[in-house]
Amino acid sequence: MSSTRERIVDASAELFRAQGYAATGVKQIVAAAEAPFGSLYHFFPGGKEQLGAEAIRVSGAIYEQLIPAVLDPAPDLVTGVRDFFEGAAEHLRETGYADACPIATVALETSSTSEQMRAACAEVFESWIAAGARRHVEAGLDERRARELTIAMLAALEGAFVLARALRSTEPLEIAGELAAGAVARALEAGPEQDRA
């Protein structure tokens, strides 16, 4: 069985994903974790903000695993990028458009009001960028272009999530996926030095 600390972090991550950071109270977290109220402050003396930052880091590390899980088995990077967006669209449909990216949700909600939460979200996004950029470099692109394309892919994905959830349609993910895959294909065709022309 997981430790009390792990249960508190996991419950926080799940509640933040479902209803956002501000709407989630510490009493609700400890109830969902089946933990004594005082244990939250024992493990997280900085309170909800410290706990929130930890939950973001833990969730972010789990979601980061999707990058190798989707891109690595693909026959090539272009197909992998396309698969990444198709998988996201399928997941949204399966969850009734309720479960998109919990990191983006919390980042939008807290980045202007909590430096600790903003920094945790930034740390997660940077780790995702690094993981994606590595795959672009392995495919033959230089590091600068690899980072640019990964940022563009993640930005397109997060924006498409917002539109898809509001429209109750996967069309934004389908379009964004094709555009991201096309950008990668063009960059690979141009080669590592000439792809910025």
Foldseek 3Di string as FASTA:
>chain_A
DDDLLVLLLVLQLVCCQQPNLVVDDLVNSCVSSVHDSVVQCVVVVVPSLSSLLVSLLVLLVVVLVVLCVQQVVDPANLVSLLSSLVVQLVVCVVVLLRGHDSLVRHCVVPVVPDVSSVVSSVVSVVVSLVSQLVRLVVRAADSVVSSVLSVLSVVQRVVLSVVCSVVVHSVSSNVSSNVSSVLSVQQSVLGHPRSVD
